[in-house]
């Protein structure tokens, strides 16, 4: 289950311009701060879309799905950074079933029916696009201000 959120060229150019105002070693932490802030906005909306604890899809003995959501920022290679929003394993391992739907199984037997896909993460991304763009810039600017104080 993956949803990709891409920024437009204008925002990319604005981010690039802002990052150019600080030293090279401070740029990656600033970018990560902006992505973390943006990911948390999507995470909050996603959490609000998931049914309250106790719905039939919650797994007995594990945390409710909405309590397993998290945002991680990872760096891949040179300058490639992503914010990942999703459910933590193992308690949230069934999030993809709610997101994408699945075949209905009762008492270990396939029924031939389907359980509806809800696409809650995609809805969260779509609903927060403008706020995400603002959060990226706000997070980067805050990190840049901190970096300039440290110098």
Protein backbone atom coordinates (compact mmCIF):
# COMPACT_ATOMS: atom_id res chain seq x y z
CA UNK A 1 0.00 0.00 0.00
CA UNK A 2 1.64 3.19 -1.15
CA UNK A 3 0.45 6.65 -2.00
CA UNK A 4 2.83 9.13 -3.57
CA UNK A 5 2.55 12.82 -2.92
CA UNK A 6 4.62 14.94 -5.24
CA UNK A 7 5.38 18.61 -4.97
CA UNK A 8 5.00 20.94 -7.92
CA UNK A 9 7.90 22.72 -9.64
CA UNK A 10 7.13 26.08 -8.04
CA UNK A 11 7.32 24.63 -4.52
CA UNK A 12 10.44 22.66 -5.41
CA UNK A 13 12.13 25.85 -6.66
CA UNK A 14 11.08 27.71 -3.52
CA UNK A 15 12.50 24.93 -1.30
CA UNK A 16 15.73 24.94 -3.30
CA UNK A 17 16.04 28.71 -2.91
CA UNK A 18 15.42 28.55 0.86
CA UNK A 19 17.94 25.74 1.35
CA UNK A 20 20.58 27.65 -0.63
CA UNK A 21 20.61 30.25 2.16
CA UNK A 22 22.31 27.84 4.58
CA UNK A 23 25.38 25.66 4.54
CA UNK A 24 25.37 22.30 2.81
CA UNK A 25 25.56 20.34 6.06
CA UNK A 26 22.42 22.00 7.40
CA UNK A 27 20.29 21.42 4.31
CA UNK A 28 19.39 17.76 4.81
CA UNK A 29 18.21 18.24 8.42
CA UNK A 30 16.09 21.20 7.28
CA UNK A 31 14.56 19.19 4.45
CA UNK A 32 13.86 16.28 6.80
CA UNK A 33 12.18 18.64 9.29
CA UNK A 34 9.89 19.96 6.56
CA UNK A 35 8.97 16.48 5.36
CA UNK A 36 8.33 15.27 8.92
CA UNK A 37 5.94 18.19 9.52
CA UNK A 38 4.12 17.47 6.27
CA UNK A 39 3.90 13.74 6.98
CA UNK A 40 2.40 14.41 10.40
CA UNK A 41 -0.42 16.43 8.81
CA UNK A 42 -1.28 13.50 6.54
CA UNK A 43 -0.97 11.12 9.51
CA UNK A 44 -3.42 13.16 11.59
CA UNK A 45 -5.99 13.23 8.80
CA UNK A 46 -5.47 9.52 8.12
CA UNK A 47 -6.02 8.76 11.82
CA UNK A 48 -9.26 10.71 11.70
CA UNK A 49 -10.45 8.65 8.73
CA UNK A 50 -9.92 5.28 10.43
CA UNK A 51 -12.87 3.88 12.42
CA UNK A 52 -12.75 4.28 16.20
CA UNK A 53 -11.13 1.48 18.20
CA UNK A 54 -13.32 -1.58 18.52
CA UNK A 55 -14.41 -1.79 14.89
CA UNK A 56 -14.54 -5.39 13.58
CA UNK A 57 -11.18 -5.11 11.77
CA UNK A 58 -9.19 -4.42 14.95
CA UNK A 59 -7.13 -7.43 15.90
CA UNK A 60 -7.68 -8.84 19.41
CA UNK A 61 -4.68 -8.35 21.67
CA UNK A 62 -3.10 -5.66 19.48
CA UNK A 63 -3.32 -1.88 19.56
CA UNK A 64 -6.19 -0.38 17.55
CA UNK A 65 -5.12 0.42 14.00
CA UNK A 66 -5.43 4.17 14.45
CA UNK A 67 -2.97 3.99 17.36
CA UNK A 68 -0.29 2.36 15.19
CA UNK A 69 0.07 5.18 12.67
CA UNK A 70 3.42 6.89 12.43
CA UNK A 71 5.49 9.16 10.21
CA UNK A 72 9.10 8.32 9.40
CA UNK A 73 11.54 10.27 7.27
CA UNK A 74 14.12 8.20 5.41
CA UNK A 75 17.05 9.15 3.25
CA UNK A 76 17.86 7.06 0.19
CA UNK A 77 21.18 7.78 -1.46
CA UNK A 78 22.39 11.27 -2.15
CA UNK A 79 19.71 13.85 -1.47
CA UNK A 80 16.72 11.55 -1.92
CA UNK A 81 14.48 11.94 1.10
CA UNK A 82 10.94 10.69 1.65
CA UNK A 83 8.35 10.92 4.40
CA UNK A 84 6.56 7.63 4.97
CA UNK A 85 3.16 7.62 6.65
CA UNK A 86 1.65 4.31 7.64
CA UNK A 87 0.82 1.76 10.28
CA UNK A 88 3.59 0.20 12.36
CA UNK A 89 4.23 -3.51 12.17
CA UNK A 90 3.01 -5.86 13.66
CA UNK A 91 -0.02 -4.20 15.26
CA UNK A 92 -0.92 -2.31 12.09
CA UNK A 93 -0.04 -5.07 9.65
CA UNK A 94 -3.67 -5.30 8.50
CA UNK A 95 -3.93 -1.64 7.41
CA UNK A 96 -3.61 -2.62 3.77
CA UNK A 97 -6.77 -4.71 4.07
CA UNK A 98 -8.78 -1.67 5.12
CA UNK A 99 -7.08 0.50 2.52
CA UNK A 100 -7.27 -1.78 -0.52
CA UNK A 101 -10.09 -4.20 0.38
CA UNK A 102 -9.76 -7.97 0.40
CA UNK A 103 -11.47 -11.27 -0.17
CA UNK A 104 -14.01 -12.13 2.52
CA UNK A 105 -13.04 -15.15 4.62
CA UNK A 106 -15.27 -16.60 7.35
CA UNK A 107 -14.06 -19.32 9.71
CA UNK A 108 -11.05 -19.95 7.50
CA UNK A 109 -13.07 -20.43 4.31
CA UNK A 110 -13.30 -18.13 1.34
CA UNK A 111 -16.82 -16.93 0.69
CA UNK A 112 -16.28 -15.54 -2.79
CA UNK A 113 -17.30 -12.12 -1.53
CA UNK A 114 -15.20 -8.98 -1.31
CA UNK A 115 -14.72 -6.50 1.51
CA UNK A 116 -14.85 -2.93 0.26
CA UNK A 117 -11.67 -0.88 -0.15
CA UNK A 118 -11.81 2.44 1.66
CA UNK A 119 -8.64 4.21 0.37
CA UNK A 120 -8.38 6.18 3.60
CA UNK A 121 -4.72 7.10 3.12
CA UNK A 122 -5.34 8.40 -0.39
CA UNK A 123 -8.27 10.46 0.90
CA UNK A 124 -6.02 11.90 3.63
CA UNK A 125 -3.35 12.85 1.09
CA UNK A 126 -5.88 14.43 -1.26
CA UNK A 127 -7.54 16.40 1.55
CA UNK A 128 -4.29 17.81 2.95
CA UNK A 129 -2.41 18.77 -0.22
CA UNK A 130 -2.37 22.52 0.45
CA UNK A 131 -1.60 22.09 4.16
CA UNK A 132 1.22 19.69 3.31
CA UNK A 133 2.85 22.20 0.97
CA UNK A 134 2.64 24.87 3.67
CA UNK A 135 4.00 22.50 6.33
CA UNK A 136 7.01 21.59 4.21
CA UNK A 137 7.95 25.24 3.82
CA UNK A 138 7.22 26.10 7.46
CA UNK A 139 9.31 23.15 8.70
CA UNK A 140 12.20 24.04 6.40
CA UNK A 141 12.10 27.71 7.38
CA UNK A 142 12.07 26.83 11.09
CA UNK A 143 15.05 24.50 10.64
CA UNK A 144 16.89 27.15 8.61
CA UNK A 145 16.31 29.70 11.37
CA UNK A 146 17.75 27.24 13.92
CA UNK A 147 20.74 26.53 11.67
CA UNK A 148 21.46 30.25 11.28
CA UNK A 149 21.32 30.75 15.06
CA UNK A 150 23.85 27.95 15.56
CA UNK A 151 26.37 29.55 13.21
